Structure formats: C-alpha cells, structure tokens
C-alpha cells in the first residue's frame, strides 16, 4: 500500500473515531484538544513498522529460538552445530528461517557450510 493510501486510510479512521469521541465529550474546548491529540496519535502509527515489530516478537516467542539466539550471542555457529545443540534436526531449519526473516540473525554461506551469526 502506498504512502498516500495509508495516509488517506488513517485520516478516514481518525475522522470516524473523532465522531465517536464527540459522543463522549460534552465540553467543546475539551473536544478540540482531545481530537487534535487523537489525530496526531493515530497518524504516528506506522503499519509497516508495527508488522515488522510483530515478526520480531513472534520470533522471540519460542524457547528453541531463544536458545539459538543465546548460542549465537557467543559467536558464529554452523547449522549442524545448532542442530546438535537443540537435539531436534527437523525444526532447527524452520527456527533459523523465522529468526532470519525477523532480522534477528544473519546467514553466511562458506562452501557447503551455512553459518549463522
């Protein structure tokens, strides 16, 4: 979605929410202050950044992935070393993929070896 479309969508959402606020706030001066504050808060929300942060939190929400991160904190390890450390060869590749997609680890290929940091 383009920046203009996001801006228009956020603006429409903001307008709808302001109409809802009018039902709850009876004093006109309070309404103006609160609608300005509300509009600025809504515009600060960046859906793309929120989605990126969600991927990171989902990646961290698994014990094995946290183990992998703790192991890699000490230095690079190859995929086979991580598999041995986790004692679960099937899911290690999947865990590495999730961590890599979330931007938490980097992959480096050296010959036939795949190392992670």
C-alpha atoms as a PDB file:
ATOM      1  CA  UNK A   1       0.000   0.000   0.000  1.00  0.00           C
ATOM      2  CA  UNK A   2       1.397   3.413  -0.969  1.00  0.00           C
ATOM      3  CA  UNK A   3       2.112   6.210   1.471  1.00  0.00           C
ATOM      4  CA  UNK A   4      -0.798   8.304   0.153  1.00  0.00           C
ATOM      5  CA  UNK A   5      -3.264   5.418   0.533  1.00  0.00           C
ATOM      6  CA  UNK A   6      -2.054   4.751   4.094  1.00  0.00           C
ATOM      7  CA  UNK A   7      -2.414   8.420   4.894  1.00  0.00           C
ATOM      8  CA  UNK A   8      -5.957   8.512   3.474  1.00  0.00           C
ATOM      9  CA  UNK A   9      -6.918   5.353   5.347  1.00  0.00           C
ATOM     10  CA  UNK A  10      -5.518   6.718   8.620  1.00  0.00           C
ATOM     11  CA  UNK A  11      -7.298  10.021   8.026  1.00  0.00           C
ATOM     12  CA  UNK A  12     -10.652   8.284   7.461  1.00  0.00           C
ATOM     13  CA  UNK A  13     -10.174   6.140  10.552  1.00  0.00           C
ATOM     14  CA  UNK A  14      -9.294   9.250  12.512  1.00  0.00           C
ATOM     15  CA  UNK A  15     -12.413  11.068  11.317  1.00  0.00           C
ATOM     16  CA  UNK A  16     -14.629   8.141  12.309  1.00  0.00           C
ATOM     17  CA  UNK A  17     -13.021   7.978  15.730  1.00  0.00           C
ATOM     18  CA  UNK A  18     -13.410  11.734  16.223  1.00  0.00           C
ATOM     19  CA  UNK A  19     -17.126  11.396  15.549  1.00  0.00           C
ATOM     20  CA  UNK A  20     -17.239   8.669  18.185  1.00  0.00           C
ATOM     21  CA  UNK A  21     -15.350  10.913  20.630  1.00  0.00           C
ATOM     22  CA  UNK A  22     -17.963  13.638  20.196  1.00  0.00           C
ATOM     23  CA  UNK A  23     -20.498  11.331  21.837  1.00  0.00           C
ATOM     24  CA  UNK A  24     -18.406  11.069  24.990  1.00  0.00           C
ATOM     25  CA  UNK A  25     -17.011  14.573  25.380  1.00  0.00           C
ATOM     26  CA  UNK A  26     -19.570  17.246  26.124  1.00  0.00           C
ATOM     27  CA  UNK A  27     -17.386  20.336  26.548  1.00  0.00           C
ATOM     28  CA  UNK A  28     -16.426  21.908  23.228  1.00  0.00           C
ATOM     29  CA  UNK A  29     -12.965  23.135  24.326  1.00  0.00           C
ATOM     30  CA  UNK A  30     -12.107  19.660  25.624  1.00  0.00           C
ATOM     31  CA  UNK A  31     -13.301  18.094  22.386  1.00  0.00           C
ATOM     32  CA  UNK A  32     -10.991  20.228  20.248  1.00  0.00           C
ATOM     33  CA  UNK A  33      -7.940  19.500  22.393  1.00  0.00           C
ATOM     34  CA  UNK A  34      -8.685  15.796  22.533  1.00  0.00           C
ATOM     35  CA  UNK A  35      -9.419  15.473  18.810  1.00  0.00           C
ATOM     36  CA  UNK A  36      -6.122  17.182  17.951  1.00  0.00           C
ATOM     37  CA  UNK A  37      -4.259  14.886  20.308  1.00  0.00           C
ATOM     38  CA  UNK A  38      -6.095  11.842  18.989  1.00  0.00           C
ATOM     39  CA  UNK A  39      -5.422  12.741  15.350  1.00  0.00           C
ATOM     40  CA  UNK A  40      -1.707  13.147  15.989  1.00  0.00           C
ATOM     41  CA  UNK A  41      -1.591   9.798  17.828  1.00  0.00           C
ATOM     42  CA  UNK A  42      -3.355   7.957  15.008  1.00  0.00           C
ATOM     43  CA  UNK A  43      -1.021   9.451  12.403  1.00  0.00           C
ATOM     44  CA  UNK A  44       2.031   8.248  14.344  1.00  0.00           C
ATOM     45  CA  UNK A  45       1.019   4.599  13.919  1.00  0.00           C
ATOM     46  CA  UNK A  46       3.023   3.064  11.098  1.00  0.00           C
ATOM     47  CA  UNK A  47       1.501  -0.246   9.987  1.00  0.00           C
ATOM     48  CA  UNK A  48       4.694  -1.407   8.279  1.00  0.00           C
ATOM     49  CA  UNK A  49       6.797  -0.797  11.391  1.00  0.00           C
ATOM     50  CA  UNK A  50       4.183  -2.494  13.559  1.00  0.00           C
ATOM     51  CA  UNK A  51       4.205  -5.550  11.288  1.00  0.00           C
ATOM     52  CA  UNK A  52       7.993  -5.687  11.494  1.00  0.00           C
ATOM     53  CA  UNK A  53       7.890  -5.491  15.292  1.00  0.00           C
ATOM     54  CA  UNK A  54       5.223  -8.203  15.370  1.00  0.00           C
ATOM     55  CA  UNK A  55       7.516 -10.539  13.375  1.00  0.00           C
ATOM     56  CA  UNK A  56      10.295  -9.948  15.915  1.00  0.00           C
ATOM     57  CA  UNK A  57       8.050 -10.661  18.907  1.00  0.00           C
ATOM     58  CA  UNK A  58       6.635 -13.799  17.260  1.00  0.00           C
ATOM     59  CA  UNK A  59      10.179 -14.974  16.541  1.00  0.00           C
ATOM     60  CA  UNK A  60      11.142 -14.473  20.184  1.00  0.00           C
ATOM     61  CA  UNK A  61       8.062 -16.316  21.465  1.00  0.00           C
ATOM     62  CA  UNK A  62       9.630 -19.767  21.218  1.00  0.00           C
ATOM     63  CA  UNK A  63      12.042 -21.457  23.620  1.00  0.00           C
ATOM     64  CA  UNK A  64      14.147 -23.082  20.893  1.00  0.00           C
ATOM     65  CA  UNK A  65      14.544 -19.815  19.009  1.00  0.00           C
ATOM     66  CA  UNK A  66      15.655 -18.109  22.212  1.00  0.00           C
ATOM     67  CA  UNK A  67      18.177 -20.914  22.736  1.00  0.00           C
ATOM     68  CA  UNK A  68      19.512 -20.341  19.225  1.00  0.00           C
ATOM     69  CA  UNK A  69      19.903 -16.614  19.887  1.00  0.00           C
ATOM     70  CA  UNK A  70      21.726 -17.263  23.162  1.00  0.00           C
ATOM     71  CA  UNK A  71      24.085 -19.703  21.422  1.00  0.00           C
ATOM     72  CA  UNK A  72      24.760 -17.255  18.585  1.00  0.00           C
ATOM     73  CA  UNK A  73      25.399 -14.474  21.079  1.00  0.00           C
ATOM     74  CA  UNK A  74      28.733 -16.194  21.783  1.00  0.00           C
ATOM     75  CA  UNK A  75      29.700 -16.245  18.091  1.00  0.00           C
ATOM     76  CA  UNK A  76      29.006 -17.826  14.728  1.00  0.00           C
ATOM     77  CA  UNK A  77      27.798 -21.402  14.563  1.00  0.00           C
ATOM     78  CA  UNK A  78      27.012 -23.605  11.603  1.00  0.00           C
ATOM     79  CA  UNK A  79      23.570 -25.124  11.111  1.00  0.00           C
ATOM     80  CA  UNK A  80      24.839 -28.596  12.053  1.00  0.00           C
ATOM     81  CA  UNK A  81      26.177 -27.296  15.393  1.00  0.00           C
ATOM     82  CA  UNK A  82      22.854 -25.656  16.150  1.00  0.00           C
ATOM     83  CA  UNK A  83      21.028 -28.858  15.254  1.00  0.00           C
ATOM     84  CA  UNK A  84      23.189 -30.820  17.704  1.00  0.00           C
ATOM     85  CA  UNK A  85      22.723 -28.203  20.417  1.00  0.00           C
ATOM     86  CA  UNK A  86      18.937 -28.318  20.038  1.00  0.00           C
ATOM     87  CA  UNK A  87      18.727 -32.108  19.612  1.00  0.00           C
ATOM     88  CA  UNK A  88      15.976 -31.616  17.043  1.00  0.00           C
ATOM     89  CA  UNK A  89      17.163 -31.562  13.455  1.00  0.00           C
ATOM     90  CA  UNK A  90      13.729 -31.224  11.850  1.00  0.00           C
ATOM     91  CA  UNK A  91      12.735 -27.943  13.425  1.00  0.00           C
ATOM     92  CA  UNK A  92      16.142 -26.231  13.547  1.00  0.00           C
ATOM     93  CA  UNK A  93      15.965 -25.135   9.912  1.00  0.00           C
ATOM     94  CA  UNK A  94      12.477 -23.761  10.456  1.00  0.00           C
ATOM     95  CA  UNK A  95      13.573 -21.857  13.577  1.00  0.00           C
ATOM     96  CA  UNK A  96      16.558 -20.393  11.730  1.00  0.00           C
ATOM     97  CA  UNK A  97      14.303 -19.265   8.916  1.00  0.00           C
ATOM     98  CA  UNK A  98      11.927 -17.478  11.311  1.00  0.00           C
ATOM     99  CA  UNK A  99      14.824 -15.733  13.077  1.00  0.00           C
ATOM    100  CA  UNK A 100      16.381 -14.719   9.766  1.00  0.00           C
ATOM    101  CA  UNK A 101      13.072 -13.352   8.386  1.00  0.00           C
ATOM    102  CA  UNK A 102      12.626 -11.308  11.562  1.00  0.00           C
ATOM    103  CA  UNK A 103      16.082  -9.803  11.012  1.00  0.00           C
ATOM    104  CA  UNK A 104      17.486 -11.240  14.242  1.00  0.00           C
ATOM    105  CA  UNK A 105      20.252 -13.356  12.683  1.00  0.00           C
ATOM    106  CA  UNK A 106      22.348 -13.301   9.531  1.00  0.00           C
ATOM    107  CA  UNK A 107      23.275 -16.223   7.323  1.00  0.00           C
ATOM    108  CA  UNK A 108      26.623 -16.699   5.602  1.00  0.00           C
ATOM    109  CA  UNK A 109      27.486 -19.473   3.194  1.00  0.00           C
ATOM    110  CA  UNK A 110      31.049 -20.738   3.150  1.00  0.00           C
ATOM    111  CA  UNK A 111      31.454 -23.600   0.706  1.00  0.00           C
ATOM    112  CA  UNK A 112      28.994 -26.265   1.826  1.00  0.00           C
ATOM    113  CA  UNK A 113      28.728 -24.740   5.297  1.00  0.00           C
ATOM    114  CA  UNK A 114      25.951 -22.430   6.347  1.00  0.00           C
ATOM    115  CA  UNK A 115      26.925 -20.303   9.325  1.00  0.00           C
ATOM    116  CA  UNK A 116      24.733 -18.009  11.353  1.00  0.00           C
ATOM    117  CA  UNK A 117      25.515 -15.019  13.490  1.00  0.00           C
END
